Protein backbone atom coordinates (compact mmCIF):
# COMPACT_ATOMS: atom_id res chain seq x y z
CA MET A 1 7.58 -1.61 -17.51
CA SER A 2 6.59 -4.17 -14.89
CA VAL A 3 3.56 -5.85 -16.32
CA SER A 4 0.91 -8.79 -15.49
CA VAL A 5 0.21 -11.37 -17.72
CA ASP A 6 -2.68 -9.83 -18.73
CA GLY A 7 -1.41 -6.43 -19.85
CA PHE A 8 -1.61 -4.26 -16.85
CA ILE A 9 1.03 -2.02 -15.18
CA ALA A 10 -1.34 -1.89 -11.74
CA ASP A 11 -4.37 -3.61 -10.81
CA ARG A 12 -7.96 -2.41 -10.44
CA GLU A 13 -6.93 -0.57 -7.06
CA GLY A 14 -3.70 1.00 -8.66
CA GLY A 15 -1.59 -1.43 -6.69
CA PHE A 16 1.67 -2.85 -7.96
CA GLY A 17 3.18 -4.49 -4.88
CA TRP A 18 3.66 -7.79 -7.10
CA THR A 19 6.19 -5.87 -8.88
CA VAL A 20 8.76 -5.65 -6.62
CA PRO A 21 12.09 -7.57 -8.18
CA ASP A 22 14.01 -10.25 -6.62
CA GLU A 23 17.68 -9.93 -6.11
CA GLY A 24 18.60 -10.93 -9.60
CA LEU A 25 15.94 -8.73 -11.17
CA PHE A 26 17.15 -5.75 -9.06
CA ARG A 27 20.71 -6.45 -10.30
CA PHE A 28 19.44 -6.29 -13.91
CA HIS A 29 17.68 -3.22 -13.13
CA LEU A 30 20.71 -1.65 -11.73
CA ALA A 31 22.74 -2.68 -14.88
CA ARG A 32 20.10 -1.43 -17.41
CA VAL A 33 19.68 1.91 -15.76
CA ARG A 34 23.30 2.51 -15.66
CA GLU A 35 23.35 2.40 -19.59
CA LEU A 36 20.67 5.26 -19.81
CA GLY A 37 21.82 8.38 -21.03
CA CYS A 38 18.08 10.09 -19.86
CA HIS A 39 14.88 9.19 -18.29
CA LEU A 40 11.59 10.77 -19.42
CA CYS A 41 8.85 10.04 -16.84
CA GLY A 42 5.19 11.12 -15.90
CA ARG A 43 4.63 12.39 -12.59
CA LYS A 44 3.12 9.24 -11.07
CA LEU A 45 6.63 7.31 -11.95
CA TYR A 46 8.71 10.39 -11.06
CA GLU A 47 6.77 10.71 -7.30
CA THR A 48 7.25 6.81 -7.15
CA MET A 49 11.01 6.77 -7.74
CA LEU A 50 11.94 10.05 -5.82
CA VAL A 51 12.07 7.78 -2.52
CA TRP A 52 15.52 6.52 -3.90
CA GLU A 53 16.62 10.15 -3.65
CA THR A 54 15.14 11.44 -0.83
CA ASP A 55 14.95 8.27 1.73
CA PRO A 56 18.17 7.38 2.95
CA SER A 57 16.82 4.03 4.62
CA LEU A 58 16.68 2.73 0.94
CA ARG A 59 20.62 2.40 1.08
CA ASP A 60 20.29 -0.59 3.31
CA THR A 61 22.40 -2.51 1.45
CA GLU A 62 25.34 -2.20 -1.15
CA LEU A 63 23.01 -3.14 -3.91
CA HIS A 64 20.35 -0.62 -2.97
CA ALA A 65 23.04 2.11 -2.40
CA ALA A 66 24.26 1.67 -6.07
CA PHE A 67 21.03 1.87 -7.51
CA ALA A 68 20.31 5.01 -5.21
CA ASP A 69 23.54 6.40 -6.65
CA VAL A 70 22.79 5.54 -10.17
CA TRP A 71 19.34 7.00 -10.05
CA CYS A 72 20.16 10.16 -8.33
CA ALA A 73 22.73 10.81 -11.10
CA LEU A 74 20.66 10.13 -13.94
CA PRO A 75 19.08 12.99 -16.01
CA LYS A 76 15.33 13.18 -15.80
CA VAL A 77 12.77 14.95 -17.58
CA VAL A 78 9.22 14.97 -15.93
CA PHE A 79 5.74 15.68 -17.71
CA SER A 80 3.25 16.95 -15.10
CA ARG A 81 0.50 19.51 -15.38
CA THR A 82 0.50 19.95 -11.73
CA LEU A 83 4.01 19.94 -10.35
CA ASN A 84 5.64 23.30 -9.91
CA SER A 85 9.10 21.86 -9.18
CA VAL A 86 11.00 18.48 -9.12
CA GLN A 87 13.97 17.66 -7.04
CA GLY A 88 17.33 16.17 -7.71
CA ASN A 89 18.85 15.69 -11.11
CA ALA A 90 15.26 16.38 -12.71
CA ARG A 91 13.66 18.95 -14.56
CA LEU A 92 10.02 19.60 -15.72
CA ALA A 93 9.24 19.29 -19.41
CA GLU A 94 8.94 22.68 -20.99
CA ALA A 95 8.19 21.48 -24.76
CA SER A 96 6.01 18.73 -26.58
CA VAL A 97 6.92 15.16 -25.99
CA PRO A 98 8.31 15.00 -29.44
CA GLU A 99 10.84 17.99 -28.72
CA GLU A 100 11.75 16.64 -25.68
CA VAL A 101 12.75 13.37 -27.03
CA ALA A 102 14.44 14.93 -29.72
CA ALA A 103 16.26 17.37 -26.95
CA ALA A 104 17.04 14.04 -24.76
CA LEU A 105 18.59 11.87 -27.73
CA ALA A 106 20.66 15.16 -28.84
CA ALA A 107 22.23 15.39 -25.39
CA THR A 108 23.65 11.61 -25.17
CA ASP A 109 24.88 8.93 -27.04
CA LYS A 110 22.94 6.48 -24.79
CA ASP A 111 19.68 5.15 -24.82
CA ILE A 112 17.17 7.18 -23.17
CA GLU A 113 13.76 5.60 -21.49
CA ILE A 114 10.42 6.63 -21.55
CA GLY A 115 8.71 5.40 -18.62
CA GLY A 116 5.01 5.99 -16.92
CA ALA A 117 1.86 4.68 -18.64
CA GLY A 118 0.28 7.78 -20.00
CA LEU A 119 3.63 9.30 -21.35
CA ALA A 120 4.94 6.01 -22.79
CA ALA A 121 1.41 5.82 -24.56
CA THR A 122 1.52 9.23 -25.87
CA ALA A 123 5.11 8.41 -27.19
CA ILE A 124 3.91 5.06 -28.77
CA LYS A 125 1.02 6.76 -30.41
CA LEU A 126 3.27 9.33 -31.85
CA GLY A 127 5.70 6.59 -33.41
CA LEU A 128 8.50 7.67 -30.87
CA VAL A 129 9.34 4.26 -29.55
CA ASP A 130 11.89 2.25 -31.42
CA GLU A 131 11.93 -0.49 -28.41
CA LEU A 132 9.41 -1.87 -26.00
CA ARG A 133 11.15 -3.53 -22.67
CA MET A 134 8.55 -5.59 -20.52
CA PHE A 135 8.83 -7.45 -17.35
CA ARG A 136 5.86 -9.86 -17.29
CA ASN A 137 5.06 -11.01 -13.92
CA PRO A 138 3.40 -14.17 -13.53
CA ILE A 139 0.14 -12.81 -12.16
CA VAL A 140 -3.51 -11.94 -13.54
CA VAL A 141 -4.98 -8.99 -12.05
CA GLY A 142 -8.08 -8.99 -14.25
CA GLY A 143 -8.00 -4.87 -14.76
CA GLY A 144 -6.40 -1.86 -14.05
CA THR A 145 -3.90 0.27 -16.02
CA PRO A 146 -2.96 -1.09 -19.28
CA PHE A 147 0.57 -1.36 -20.31
CA LEU A 148 -0.12 -0.37 -23.85
CA PRO A 149 -2.47 2.10 -25.42
CA PRO A 150 -5.05 1.32 -27.81
CA VAL A 151 -3.51 1.87 -31.37
CA THR A 152 -5.38 2.70 -34.86
CA GLU A 153 -2.90 0.44 -36.78
CA ASP A 154 -0.79 -2.37 -36.20
CA VAL A 155 2.71 -1.68 -34.79
CA PRO A 156 4.85 -4.73 -36.08
CA LEU A 157 7.52 -6.12 -33.30
CA GLU A 158 10.44 -8.42 -33.43
CA LEU A 159 11.57 -10.27 -30.25
CA ILE A 160 15.25 -9.58 -29.78
CA GLU A 161 16.09 -10.77 -26.49
CA THR A 162 14.23 -12.55 -23.70
CA ARG A 163 15.30 -13.81 -20.13
CA THR A 164 13.39 -15.71 -17.47
CA PHE A 165 14.63 -14.68 -13.74
CA GLY A 166 14.23 -16.75 -10.70
CA SER A 167 11.25 -15.14 -9.57
CA ARG A 168 9.49 -16.31 -12.67
CA VAL A 169 9.36 -13.06 -14.09
CA ILE A 170 10.37 -12.87 -17.90
CA TYR A 171 11.67 -10.11 -19.53
CA GLU A 172 10.67 -9.39 -23.05
CA ARG A 173 12.47 -6.91 -25.32
CA TYR A 174 10.96 -5.96 -28.86
CA ARG A 175 12.18 -3.53 -31.80
CA ARG A 176 9.52 -1.86 -33.78
CA ILE A 177 10.03 -3.10 -37.52
CA LEU A 178 10.27 -0.07 -39.68
CA ALA A 179 8.53 0.53 -42.82
CA ASP A 180 10.73 -0.23 -45.88
CA THR A 181 10.59 3.69 -46.36
CA ASP A 182 11.92 4.19 -42.76
CA SER A 183 14.83 1.79 -42.67
CA THR A 184 17.34 4.10 -44.06
CA SER A 185 16.75 6.42 -41.11
CA SER A 186 17.46 4.22 -38.12
CA SER A 187 19.91 1.56 -37.59
CA PRO A 188 19.27 -2.09 -35.86
CA ASP A 189 21.53 -0.74 -33.09
CA PRO A 190 19.72 0.25 -30.26
CA GLN A 191 21.90 2.58 -28.89
CA GLY A 192 20.28 6.21 -28.49
CA VAL A 193 16.94 5.25 -29.04
CA PRO A 194 13.90 5.77 -26.78
CA ARG A 195 12.38 2.82 -25.60
CA ALA A 196 9.37 2.02 -23.27
CA ASP A 197 10.17 0.48 -20.25
CA GLN A 198 10.73 0.62 -16.49
C-alpha cells in the first residue's frame, strides 16, 4: 500500500492524491500485479480500482492499457457489508476472512494480495499476513487512515527488499518472522503467501 512517512494511507480528509505513481513506479505495479493469483479487497479499494475495468479513457497509453488488462483478468474477492453485487472478475466474499484466504491460496500457486486498510488490518490481527509491502511516499500528512492496525503484541519483521524510485517513493518489503514452533509450516519462499500491500 502507498503510505506517508508518518504511516497513513489517506490524509485527514480521506485524500490520497499524493500516491499517484510516476511511470517507473507504475511499471513496477504492473509487474507486481501480473504475478498475483488473487486479490482480496475491501469495498473502498474495490470501488477505487473499478475504474480500470469500466473507464475506457484510462487506456490512453500502452502502459495503462496493459495494467487495465491485467487488473481486469485478476480474480478478486470483495469484502463488503453494503454491496449487493460486484462487476468483472470479482465476487463478493461469502465466508470469513480466514476461510476466504484459505480458499484463495488453494485456488492458485501464485501470491495473493490483501488490500484496503480495514481488511488488511483484520488479516494482520488474525496472523494471516506473511509479508508487508509498502510504498513510502515523501510526505507527512499528520493524521488520517493508518497503514497498520494497533496490535496487542510485537510482530517481528525482516526487511527483505527495498527500492527507491525516481519520485523518491521507497518500496519496502518485509517478511514476518515466525516463531520457532511455526518454522516448519512456512518456507522462506514468498510464493503463495498472503501479503498486505497495494
